[in-house]
N, C-alpha and C. Protein backbone atom coordinates (compact mmCIF):
# COMPACT_ATOMS: atom_id res chain seq x y z
N MET A 1 47.20 -75.74 -216.12
CA MET A 1 48.17 -75.45 -217.16
C MET A 1 48.51 -76.71 -217.97
N PHE A 2 48.68 -77.85 -217.29
CA PHE A 2 49.06 -79.08 -217.99
C PHE A 2 47.86 -79.91 -218.44
N GLU A 3 46.69 -79.63 -217.92
CA GLU A 3 45.54 -80.49 -218.14
C GLU A 3 45.23 -80.78 -219.61
N PRO A 4 45.34 -79.84 -220.54
CA PRO A 4 45.01 -80.16 -221.94
C PRO A 4 45.88 -81.26 -222.56
N VAL A 5 47.12 -81.42 -222.09
CA VAL A 5 48.00 -82.43 -222.67
C VAL A 5 48.39 -83.52 -221.66
N TRP A 6 47.87 -83.46 -220.46
CA TRP A 6 48.22 -84.41 -219.40
C TRP A 6 47.22 -85.56 -219.42
N ASN A 7 47.25 -86.36 -220.51
CA ASN A 7 46.33 -87.47 -220.63
C ASN A 7 46.95 -88.58 -221.49
N HIS A 8 46.22 -89.66 -221.66
CA HIS A 8 46.76 -90.84 -222.35
C HIS A 8 47.02 -90.61 -223.84
N HIS A 9 46.51 -89.54 -224.40
CA HIS A 9 46.78 -89.26 -225.81
C HIS A 9 48.21 -88.74 -226.02
N TYR A 10 48.77 -88.11 -225.01
CA TYR A 10 50.07 -87.48 -225.14
C TYR A 10 51.15 -88.08 -224.24
N ILE A 11 50.76 -88.84 -223.23
CA ILE A 11 51.73 -89.39 -222.28
C ILE A 11 51.66 -90.91 -222.32
N ASP A 12 52.78 -91.52 -222.61
CA ASP A 12 52.87 -92.97 -222.65
C ASP A 12 53.03 -93.54 -221.24
N HIS A 13 53.91 -92.95 -220.44
CA HIS A 13 54.12 -93.38 -219.07
C HIS A 13 54.85 -92.28 -218.30
N VAL A 14 54.83 -92.41 -217.01
CA VAL A 14 55.55 -91.49 -216.13
C VAL A 14 56.50 -92.34 -215.30
N GLN A 15 57.74 -91.92 -215.25
CA GLN A 15 58.74 -92.66 -214.48
C GLN A 15 59.27 -91.74 -213.38
N ILE A 16 59.23 -92.22 -212.15
CA ILE A 16 59.76 -91.47 -211.03
C ILE A 16 61.07 -92.15 -210.62
N THR A 17 62.16 -91.41 -210.67
CA THR A 17 63.47 -91.94 -210.35
C THR A 17 63.97 -91.31 -209.07
N VAL A 18 64.45 -92.14 -208.17
CA VAL A 18 65.06 -91.65 -206.93
C VAL A 18 66.56 -91.78 -207.09
N ALA A 19 67.23 -90.67 -207.25
CA ALA A 19 68.68 -90.66 -207.42
C ALA A 19 69.30 -89.89 -206.27
N GLU A 20 69.29 -90.48 -205.10
CA GLU A 20 69.81 -89.82 -203.91
C GLU A 20 71.32 -89.73 -203.95
N GLN A 21 71.85 -88.73 -203.32
CA GLN A 21 73.29 -88.55 -203.20
C GLN A 21 73.75 -88.79 -201.76
N VAL A 22 72.95 -89.54 -201.00
CA VAL A 22 73.32 -89.86 -199.62
C VAL A 22 73.14 -91.35 -199.38
N GLY A 23 73.87 -91.84 -198.41
CA GLY A 23 73.70 -93.22 -197.98
C GLY A 23 72.83 -93.24 -196.74
N VAL A 24 73.05 -94.21 -195.88
CA VAL A 24 72.27 -94.31 -194.66
C VAL A 24 72.63 -93.17 -193.70
N GLU A 25 73.88 -92.71 -193.75
CA GLU A 25 74.32 -91.53 -193.00
C GLU A 25 74.00 -91.62 -191.50
N GLY A 26 74.35 -92.73 -190.88
CA GLY A 26 74.15 -92.86 -189.44
C GLY A 26 72.73 -93.25 -189.02
N ARG A 27 71.86 -93.56 -189.97
CA ARG A 27 70.48 -93.93 -189.64
C ARG A 27 70.26 -95.44 -189.76
N GLY A 28 71.32 -96.21 -189.54
CA GLY A 28 71.25 -97.67 -189.68
C GLY A 28 70.18 -98.30 -188.81
N GLY A 29 70.06 -97.84 -187.57
CA GLY A 29 69.04 -98.39 -186.67
C GLY A 29 67.64 -98.18 -187.20
N TYR A 30 67.40 -97.00 -187.76
CA TYR A 30 66.08 -96.71 -188.34
C TYR A 30 65.82 -97.62 -189.54
N TYR A 31 66.79 -97.71 -190.45
CA TYR A 31 66.58 -98.52 -191.65
C TYR A 31 66.47 -100.00 -191.34
N GLU A 32 67.15 -100.48 -190.32
CA GLU A 32 67.01 -101.89 -189.96
C GLU A 32 65.58 -102.19 -189.51
N GLY A 33 64.94 -101.24 -188.83
CA GLY A 33 63.57 -101.45 -188.37
C GLY A 33 62.53 -101.16 -189.44
N ALA A 34 62.68 -100.04 -190.13
CA ALA A 34 61.67 -99.62 -191.11
C ALA A 34 61.96 -100.13 -192.51
N GLY A 35 63.20 -100.07 -192.91
CA GLY A 35 63.59 -100.46 -194.26
C GLY A 35 63.46 -99.31 -195.22
N ALA A 36 64.32 -99.29 -196.22
CA ALA A 36 64.32 -98.22 -197.21
C ALA A 36 63.02 -98.23 -198.03
N LEU A 37 62.49 -99.41 -198.31
CA LEU A 37 61.25 -99.49 -199.09
C LEU A 37 60.12 -98.78 -198.36
N ARG A 38 59.98 -99.05 -197.09
CA ARG A 38 58.92 -98.42 -196.31
C ARG A 38 59.20 -96.91 -196.16
N ASP A 39 60.44 -96.54 -195.96
CA ASP A 39 60.78 -95.13 -195.79
C ASP A 39 60.57 -94.35 -197.08
N MET A 40 61.15 -94.81 -198.16
CA MET A 40 61.12 -94.05 -199.41
C MET A 40 59.79 -94.19 -200.16
N VAL A 41 59.30 -95.40 -200.32
CA VAL A 41 58.12 -95.60 -201.15
C VAL A 41 56.86 -95.09 -200.48
N GLN A 42 56.55 -95.60 -199.29
CA GLN A 42 55.27 -95.21 -198.71
C GLN A 42 55.27 -93.77 -198.23
N ASN A 43 56.40 -93.22 -197.90
CA ASN A 43 56.42 -91.84 -197.42
C ASN A 43 56.65 -90.83 -198.55
N HIS A 44 57.75 -90.95 -199.24
CA HIS A 44 58.15 -89.92 -200.19
C HIS A 44 57.61 -90.14 -201.60
N LEU A 45 57.76 -91.34 -202.11
CA LEU A 45 57.37 -91.57 -203.51
C LEU A 45 55.86 -91.57 -203.71
N PHE A 46 55.10 -92.08 -202.75
CA PHE A 46 53.64 -92.00 -202.86
C PHE A 46 53.16 -90.56 -202.80
N GLN A 47 53.83 -89.74 -201.99
CA GLN A 47 53.47 -88.31 -201.96
C GLN A 47 53.73 -87.67 -203.31
N LEU A 48 54.88 -87.97 -203.90
CA LEU A 48 55.21 -87.41 -205.22
C LEU A 48 54.24 -87.92 -206.28
N LEU A 49 53.93 -89.21 -206.28
CA LEU A 49 52.96 -89.78 -207.20
C LEU A 49 51.62 -89.07 -207.07
N ALA A 50 51.17 -88.88 -205.84
CA ALA A 50 49.87 -88.25 -205.62
C ALA A 50 49.86 -86.81 -206.13
N MET A 51 50.93 -86.06 -205.88
CA MET A 51 50.98 -84.67 -206.32
C MET A 51 50.99 -84.56 -207.86
N VAL A 52 51.64 -85.51 -208.51
CA VAL A 52 51.75 -85.48 -209.98
C VAL A 52 50.47 -85.97 -210.64
N ALA A 53 49.82 -86.99 -210.07
CA ALA A 53 48.73 -87.66 -210.77
C ALA A 53 47.33 -87.34 -210.26
N MET A 54 47.20 -86.63 -209.16
CA MET A 54 45.86 -86.36 -208.62
C MET A 54 45.08 -85.41 -209.52
N GLU A 55 43.78 -85.44 -209.40
CA GLU A 55 42.92 -84.47 -210.08
C GLU A 55 43.13 -83.10 -209.43
N PRO A 56 42.88 -82.03 -210.16
CA PRO A 56 43.04 -80.71 -209.54
C PRO A 56 42.09 -80.55 -208.35
N PRO A 57 42.60 -80.11 -207.20
CA PRO A 57 41.72 -79.90 -206.04
C PRO A 57 40.82 -78.69 -206.28
N VAL A 58 39.70 -78.66 -205.57
CA VAL A 58 38.77 -77.53 -205.71
C VAL A 58 39.38 -76.24 -205.17
N SER A 59 40.36 -76.38 -204.25
CA SER A 59 41.11 -75.24 -203.73
C SER A 59 42.45 -75.78 -203.26
N PHE A 60 43.34 -74.91 -202.87
CA PHE A 60 44.63 -75.36 -202.36
C PHE A 60 44.67 -75.40 -200.84
N GLU A 61 43.50 -75.50 -200.22
CA GLU A 61 43.44 -75.72 -198.79
C GLU A 61 43.84 -77.16 -198.50
N ALA A 62 44.40 -77.38 -197.33
CA ALA A 62 44.95 -78.70 -196.98
C ALA A 62 43.94 -79.83 -197.15
N ASP A 63 42.70 -79.63 -196.72
CA ASP A 63 41.70 -80.70 -196.81
C ASP A 63 41.38 -81.06 -198.25
N ALA A 64 41.29 -80.08 -199.12
CA ALA A 64 40.97 -80.33 -200.53
C ALA A 64 42.10 -81.08 -201.22
N VAL A 65 43.34 -80.69 -200.95
CA VAL A 65 44.50 -81.39 -201.53
C VAL A 65 44.55 -82.81 -200.98
N ARG A 66 44.35 -82.97 -199.67
CA ARG A 66 44.35 -84.30 -199.06
C ARG A 66 43.29 -85.20 -199.68
N ASP A 67 42.11 -84.66 -199.92
CA ASP A 67 41.02 -85.46 -200.49
C ASP A 67 41.38 -85.97 -201.88
N GLU A 68 41.98 -85.12 -202.71
CA GLU A 68 42.35 -85.55 -204.07
C GLU A 68 43.49 -86.57 -204.03
N LYS A 69 44.46 -86.36 -203.14
CA LYS A 69 45.54 -87.34 -203.01
C LYS A 69 44.97 -88.68 -202.56
N SER A 70 44.04 -88.66 -201.64
CA SER A 70 43.43 -89.88 -201.13
C SER A 70 42.68 -90.62 -202.24
N LYS A 71 41.93 -89.89 -203.07
CA LYS A 71 41.21 -90.52 -204.19
C LYS A 71 42.19 -91.22 -205.12
N LEU A 72 43.29 -90.56 -205.43
CA LEU A 72 44.28 -91.13 -206.34
C LEU A 72 44.89 -92.40 -205.73
N LEU A 73 45.30 -92.34 -204.49
CA LEU A 73 45.95 -93.49 -203.87
C LEU A 73 45.00 -94.68 -203.74
N ARG A 74 43.70 -94.42 -203.55
CA ARG A 74 42.72 -95.52 -203.52
C ARG A 74 42.57 -96.15 -204.91
N ALA A 75 42.83 -95.40 -205.96
CA ALA A 75 42.67 -95.91 -207.32
C ALA A 75 43.89 -96.66 -207.83
N VAL A 76 45.02 -96.56 -207.15
CA VAL A 76 46.24 -97.24 -207.58
C VAL A 76 46.04 -98.75 -207.43
N GLN A 77 46.39 -99.47 -208.47
CA GLN A 77 46.27 -100.93 -208.43
C GLN A 77 47.52 -101.54 -207.80
N LEU A 78 47.33 -102.56 -207.00
CA LEU A 78 48.46 -103.25 -206.41
C LEU A 78 49.22 -104.01 -207.48
N ALA A 79 50.52 -104.15 -207.29
CA ALA A 79 51.34 -104.91 -208.23
C ALA A 79 50.93 -106.37 -208.20
N SER A 80 50.94 -107.01 -209.35
CA SER A 80 50.61 -108.43 -209.42
C SER A 80 51.77 -109.26 -208.88
N ALA A 81 51.50 -110.51 -208.58
CA ALA A 81 52.56 -111.42 -208.13
C ALA A 81 53.63 -111.56 -209.20
N ASP A 82 53.24 -111.52 -210.48
CA ASP A 82 54.21 -111.60 -211.57
C ASP A 82 55.17 -110.41 -211.53
N ALA A 83 54.64 -109.22 -211.32
CA ALA A 83 55.49 -108.03 -211.26
C ALA A 83 56.43 -108.11 -210.06
N LEU A 84 55.92 -108.57 -208.94
CA LEU A 84 56.76 -108.65 -207.75
C LEU A 84 57.86 -109.69 -207.90
N SER A 85 57.63 -110.72 -208.70
CA SER A 85 58.66 -111.74 -208.88
C SER A 85 59.84 -111.20 -209.69
N CYS A 86 59.65 -110.08 -210.37
CA CYS A 86 60.73 -109.47 -211.15
C CYS A 86 61.47 -108.38 -210.38
N ALA A 87 61.00 -108.06 -209.19
CA ALA A 87 61.61 -107.00 -208.40
C ALA A 87 62.94 -107.47 -207.82
N VAL A 88 63.88 -106.55 -207.73
CA VAL A 88 65.19 -106.86 -207.17
C VAL A 88 65.43 -105.91 -206.01
N ARG A 89 65.77 -106.46 -204.86
CA ARG A 89 66.13 -105.65 -203.70
C ARG A 89 67.50 -106.09 -203.24
N GLY A 90 68.23 -105.17 -202.66
CA GLY A 90 69.56 -105.52 -202.19
C GLY A 90 70.10 -104.48 -201.24
N GLN A 91 71.30 -104.70 -200.78
CA GLN A 91 71.98 -103.75 -199.91
C GLN A 91 73.27 -103.36 -200.61
N TYR A 92 73.60 -102.09 -200.53
CA TYR A 92 74.74 -101.59 -201.28
C TYR A 92 76.06 -101.85 -200.55
N SER A 93 77.12 -101.96 -201.35
CA SER A 93 78.47 -102.08 -200.81
C SER A 93 79.08 -100.69 -200.72
N ASP A 94 80.29 -100.60 -200.23
CA ASP A 94 80.91 -99.29 -200.11
C ASP A 94 81.14 -98.70 -201.50
N GLY A 95 81.11 -97.39 -201.57
CA GLY A 95 81.27 -96.72 -202.85
C GLY A 95 81.16 -95.22 -202.70
N MET A 96 80.75 -94.58 -203.77
CA MET A 96 80.65 -93.12 -203.80
C MET A 96 79.20 -92.70 -204.07
N VAL A 97 78.70 -91.75 -203.30
CA VAL A 97 77.40 -91.12 -203.56
C VAL A 97 77.62 -89.60 -203.45
N GLY A 98 78.56 -89.10 -204.24
CA GLY A 98 78.98 -87.71 -204.12
C GLY A 98 80.12 -87.57 -203.13
N HIS A 99 80.27 -88.57 -202.29
CA HIS A 99 81.35 -88.65 -201.30
C HIS A 99 81.49 -90.12 -200.93
N PRO A 100 82.60 -90.51 -200.30
CA PRO A 100 82.74 -91.92 -199.91
C PRO A 100 81.63 -92.34 -198.94
N ALA A 101 81.05 -93.49 -199.18
CA ALA A 101 79.99 -94.01 -198.32
C ALA A 101 80.32 -95.46 -197.96
N PRO A 102 80.19 -95.81 -196.68
CA PRO A 102 80.46 -97.21 -196.30
C PRO A 102 79.34 -98.13 -196.75
N ALA A 103 79.64 -99.42 -196.80
CA ALA A 103 78.62 -100.42 -197.14
C ALA A 103 77.50 -100.37 -196.11
N TYR A 104 76.30 -100.76 -196.51
CA TYR A 104 75.14 -100.74 -195.62
C TYR A 104 75.45 -101.46 -194.31
N ARG A 105 75.98 -102.65 -194.39
CA ARG A 105 76.26 -103.44 -193.19
C ARG A 105 77.42 -102.87 -192.36
N SER A 106 78.17 -101.92 -192.89
CA SER A 106 79.24 -101.28 -192.14
C SER A 106 78.76 -100.05 -191.39
N GLU A 107 77.53 -99.63 -191.64
CA GLU A 107 76.98 -98.45 -190.96
C GLU A 107 76.73 -98.76 -189.49
N PRO A 108 76.94 -97.80 -188.61
CA PRO A 108 76.60 -98.04 -187.19
C PRO A 108 75.10 -98.34 -187.04
N GLY A 109 74.79 -99.28 -186.15
CA GLY A 109 73.39 -99.63 -185.88
C GLY A 109 72.82 -100.60 -186.86
């Protein structure tokens, strides 16, 4: 359905935004070990990227979808050192995410 216009002639860029309405919610021990970057990017955002950008699979069987996702992820270029030098990472303070949320370092674990 999207293939006729889903190309560089009509799309300048695709932006994936993660706007969660939850904090750590008692998973401090997990995040201290894995980190939000590893949890969100390699698990959730790469899956979303693959589903949006992969070539159409030959069928919707699990192996065919997996194969197309794998091809796409192998084609993704790693960020350059210049791009990584502009990245900002941090830990949030207390605030609101739809409800009161404690600061990251105030979470149990």
